[in-house]
Amino acid sequence: MLPVPELVATGPQEPSLLTYAGGSCEKTSKYLSVNIGTVVLGQTTKPKPNYFGLDVGQVPGSTVKPAPKDGIHTGVVLALVHGGTTYVPAAATATLRANRSKGTISGTALLGGKGKITGIFFC
């Protein structure tokens, strides 16, 4: 099943609801990875397309603790691009539920766009 996250990003402006749909969820015994949209790495002269990426647990090449079950997980990698602005939280937390098929995220973006990011996601 494809993820349909709904995210609320708050920063200097009023809170706004961002809805992303379609993409992929990959779930193994060690991690959950959600990717929606097109990730653009590096510099570009064009605005970056909207993107939501979430890694919870020990993805390949990571030394983060595995996330084999529901619960609160730290060391989460979260990336959000909206309206050409990239939001990268320095520290993010995810709470997984329903056999790691949905959950909540929170973090404070300190790089790129700044502000608190909270949301829910479904896989």
C-alpha atoms as a PDB file:
ATOM      1  CA  MET A   1       0.000   0.000   0.000  1.00  0.00           C
ATOM      2  CA  LEU A   2       1.267   3.495  -0.780  1.00  0.00           C
ATOM      3  CA  PRO A   3       1.743   6.066   1.980  1.00  0.00           C
ATOM      4  CA  VAL A   4      -0.500   9.095   2.255  1.00  0.00           C
ATOM      5  CA  PRO A   5       1.106  11.362   4.835  1.00  0.00           C
ATOM      6  CA  GLU A   6      -0.434  14.587   6.011  1.00  0.00           C
ATOM      7  CA  LEU A   7       2.079  17.009   7.447  1.00  0.00           C
ATOM      8  CA  VAL A   8       1.729  20.242   9.354  1.00  0.00           C
ATOM      9  CA  ALA A   9       4.782  22.472   8.990  1.00  0.00           C
ATOM     10  CA  THR A  10       4.954  25.517  11.218  1.00  0.00           C
ATOM     11  CA  GLY A  11       7.557  28.230  10.928  1.00  0.00           C
ATOM     12  CA  PRO A  12       7.606  31.990  10.683  1.00  0.00           C
ATOM     13  CA  GLN A  13       4.267  31.952   8.810  1.00  0.00           C
ATOM     14  CA  GLU A  14       0.959  30.477   9.913  1.00  0.00           C
ATOM     15  CA  PRO A  15       0.785  26.664  10.118  1.00  0.00           C
ATOM     16  CA  SER A  16      -0.080  25.011   6.835  1.00  0.00           C
ATOM     17  CA  LEU A  17      -1.334  21.546   5.970  1.00  0.00           C
ATOM     18  CA  LEU A  18       0.717  19.722   3.365  1.00  0.00           C
ATOM     19  CA  THR A  19      -0.658  16.529   1.847  1.00  0.00           C
ATOM     20  CA  TYR A  20       1.561  14.195  -0.133  1.00  0.00           C
ATOM     21  CA  ALA A  21       0.301  10.994  -1.762  1.00  0.00           C
ATOM     22  CA  GLY A  22       1.805   8.133  -3.731  1.00  0.00           C
ATOM     23  CA  GLY A  23       5.319   6.889  -3.232  1.00  0.00           C
ATOM     24  CA  SER A  24       6.747   3.939  -1.403  1.00  0.00           C
ATOM     25  CA  CYS A  25       7.035   2.385   2.020  1.00  0.00           C
ATOM     26  CA  GLU A  26       9.763  -0.138   2.686  1.00  0.00           C
ATOM     27  CA  LYS A  27       9.513  -2.095   5.918  1.00  0.00           C
ATOM     28  CA  THR A  28      12.076  -4.648   7.115  1.00  0.00           C
ATOM     29  CA  SER A  29      12.787  -6.149  10.524  1.00  0.00           C
ATOM     30  CA  LYS A  30      15.221  -3.258  11.194  1.00  0.00           C
ATOM     31  CA  TYR A  31      13.687  -0.157   9.635  1.00  0.00           C
ATOM     32  CA  LEU A  32      10.806   1.689   7.994  1.00  0.00           C
ATOM     33  CA  SER A  33      11.492   3.992   5.051  1.00  0.00           C
ATOM     34  CA  VAL A  34       8.887   6.273   3.441  1.00  0.00           C
ATOM     35  CA  ASN A  35       9.617   8.239   0.253  1.00  0.00           C
ATOM     36  CA  ILE A  36       7.129  10.375  -1.640  1.00  0.00           C
ATOM     37  CA  GLY A  37       8.014  12.573  -4.575  1.00  0.00           C
ATOM     38  CA  THR A  38      11.369  13.100  -6.251  1.00  0.00           C
ATOM     39  CA  VAL A  39      14.470  13.720  -4.160  1.00  0.00           C
ATOM     40  CA  VAL A  40      17.010  16.051  -5.763  1.00  0.00           C
ATOM     41  CA  LEU A  41      20.492  15.777  -4.284  1.00  0.00           C
ATOM     42  CA  GLY A  42      22.998  18.606  -4.524  1.00  0.00           C
ATOM     43  CA  GLN A  43      22.611  22.060  -5.997  1.00  0.00           C
ATOM     44  CA  THR A  44      20.216  22.954  -8.801  1.00  0.00           C
ATOM     45  CA  THR A  45      19.245  26.181 -10.516  1.00  0.00           C
ATOM     46  CA  LYS A  46      15.600  25.076 -10.679  1.00  0.00           C
ATOM     47  CA  PRO A  47      13.201  24.887  -7.711  1.00  0.00           C
ATOM     48  CA  LYS A  48      13.273  21.462  -6.101  1.00  0.00           C
ATOM     49  CA  PRO A  49      10.032  19.445  -6.407  1.00  0.00           C
ATOM     50  CA  ASN A  50       7.981  18.589  -3.326  1.00  0.00           C
ATOM     51  CA  TYR A  51       9.402  15.609  -1.446  1.00  0.00           C
ATOM     52  CA  PHE A  52       8.879  13.800   1.859  1.00  0.00           C
ATOM     53  CA  GLY A  53      11.427  11.277   3.114  1.00  0.00           C
ATOM     54  CA  LEU A  54      11.469   9.431   6.417  1.00  0.00           C
ATOM     55  CA  ASP A  55      13.866   6.749   7.686  1.00  0.00           C
ATOM     56  CA  VAL A  56      13.179   5.165  11.073  1.00  0.00           C
ATOM     57  CA  GLY A  57      15.639   2.612  12.417  1.00  0.00           C
ATOM     58  CA  GLN A  58      18.742   0.986  11.013  1.00  0.00           C
ATOM     59  CA  VAL A  59      18.628   1.569   7.250  1.00  0.00           C
ATOM     60  CA  PRO A  60      21.525   0.011   5.273  1.00  0.00           C
ATOM     61  CA  GLY A  61      24.801   1.752   6.122  1.00  0.00           C
ATOM     62  CA  SER A  62      23.412   3.277   9.328  1.00  0.00           C
ATOM     63  CA  THR A  63      24.553   2.744  12.892  1.00  0.00           C
ATOM     64  CA  VAL A  64      21.212   3.871  14.373  1.00  0.00           C
ATOM     65  CA  LYS A  65      19.337   1.439  16.624  1.00  0.00           C
ATOM     66  CA  PRO A  66      16.967  -0.879  14.708  1.00  0.00           C
ATOM     67  CA  ALA A  67      13.223  -0.137  14.880  1.00  0.00           C
ATOM     68  CA  PRO A  68      11.689  -3.628  14.813  1.00  0.00           C
ATOM     69  CA  LYS A  69       8.421  -2.704  16.554  1.00  0.00           C
ATOM     70  CA  ASP A  70       5.971   0.055  17.360  1.00  0.00           C
ATOM     71  CA  GLY A  71       6.951   2.766  19.806  1.00  0.00           C
ATOM     72  CA  ILE A  72       8.904   6.016  20.073  1.00  0.00           C
ATOM     73  CA  HIS A  73      12.071   6.140  17.989  1.00  0.00           C
ATOM     74  CA  THR A  74      14.813   8.775  17.966  1.00  0.00           C
ATOM     75  CA  GLY A  75      17.644   9.145  15.476  1.00  0.00           C
ATOM     76  CA  VAL A  76      15.064   9.527  12.721  1.00  0.00           C
ATOM     77  CA  VAL A  77      16.099  10.972   9.359  1.00  0.00           C
ATOM     78  CA  LEU A  78      13.414  13.305   8.027  1.00  0.00           C
ATOM     79  CA  ALA A  79      13.548  15.486   4.918  1.00  0.00           C
ATOM     80  CA  LEU A  80      10.807  17.698   3.572  1.00  0.00           C
ATOM     81  CA  VAL A  81      10.822  19.895   0.467  1.00  0.00           C
ATOM     82  CA  HIS A  82       7.808  22.117  -0.081  1.00  0.00           C
ATOM     83  CA  GLY A  83       7.462  25.035  -2.446  1.00  0.00           C
ATOM     84  CA  GLY A  84      11.149  24.809  -3.337  1.00  0.00           C
ATOM     85  CA  THR A  85      12.299  25.135   0.304  1.00  0.00           C
ATOM     86  CA  THR A  86      14.122  22.238   1.982  1.00  0.00           C
ATOM     87  CA  TYR A  87      13.435  21.553   5.667  1.00  0.00           C
ATOM     88  CA  VAL A  88      15.946  19.321   7.472  1.00  0.00           C
ATOM     89  CA  PRO A  89      15.356  18.746  11.190  1.00  0.00           C
ATOM     90  CA  ALA A  90      18.509  18.433  13.286  1.00  0.00           C
ATOM     91  CA  ALA A  91      16.739  15.975  15.589  1.00  0.00           C
ATOM     92  CA  ALA A  92      13.486  14.214  14.759  1.00  0.00           C
ATOM     93  CA  THR A  93      11.328  11.660  16.546  1.00  0.00           C
ATOM     94  CA  ALA A  94       8.826   9.168  15.146  1.00  0.00           C
ATOM     95  CA  THR A  95       6.178   7.232  17.015  1.00  0.00           C
ATOM     96  CA  LEU A  96       5.203   4.088  15.092  1.00  0.00           C
ATOM     97  CA  ARG A  97       1.853   2.301  15.516  1.00  0.00           C
ATOM     98  CA  ALA A  98      -0.271  -0.441  13.932  1.00  0.00           C
ATOM     99  CA  ASN A  99       2.617  -2.807  13.210  1.00  0.00           C
ATOM    100  CA  ARG A 100       4.729   0.121  11.940  1.00  0.00           C
ATOM    101  CA  SER A 101       2.176   0.991   9.234  1.00  0.00           C
ATOM    102  CA  LYS A 102       1.404   4.511  10.511  1.00  0.00           C
ATOM    103  CA  GLY A 103       2.717   7.024  12.968  1.00  0.00           C
ATOM    104  CA  THR A 104       3.551  10.564  13.922  1.00  0.00           C
ATOM    105  CA  ILE A 105       6.679  12.618  13.350  1.00  0.00           C
ATOM    106  CA  SER A 106       8.092  15.733  14.944  1.00  0.00           C
ATOM    107  CA  GLY A 107      11.236  17.759  14.614  1.00  0.00           C
ATOM    108  CA  THR A 108      12.604  21.271  14.423  1.00  0.00           C
ATOM    109  CA  ALA A 109      14.106  22.290  11.093  1.00  0.00           C
ATOM    110  CA  LEU A 110      17.373  24.136  11.611  1.00  0.00           C
ATOM    111  CA  LEU A 111      18.774  23.887   8.078  1.00  0.00           C
ATOM    112  CA  GLY A 112      17.068  25.433   5.038  1.00  0.00           C
ATOM    113  CA  GLY A 113      13.545  26.422   6.040  1.00  0.00           C
ATOM    114  CA  LYS A 114      13.263  26.846   9.773  1.00  0.00           C
ATOM    115  CA  GLY A 115      10.429  25.892  12.108  1.00  0.00           C
ATOM    116  CA  LYS A 116       8.668  23.013  13.795  1.00  0.00           C
ATOM    117  CA  ILE A 117       7.518  20.097  11.652  1.00  0.00           C
ATOM    118  CA  THR A 118       4.857  17.716  12.930  1.00  0.00           C
ATOM    119  CA  GLY A 119       2.703  15.272  11.074  1.00  0.00           C
ATOM    120  CA  ILE A 120       1.124  11.895  10.592  1.00  0.00           C
ATOM    121  CA  PHE A 121       1.762   9.243   7.974  1.00  0.00           C
ATOM    122  CA  PHE A 122       0.165   6.032   6.761  1.00  0.00           C
ATOM    123  CA  CYS A 123       1.703   3.187   4.748  1.00  0.00           C
END
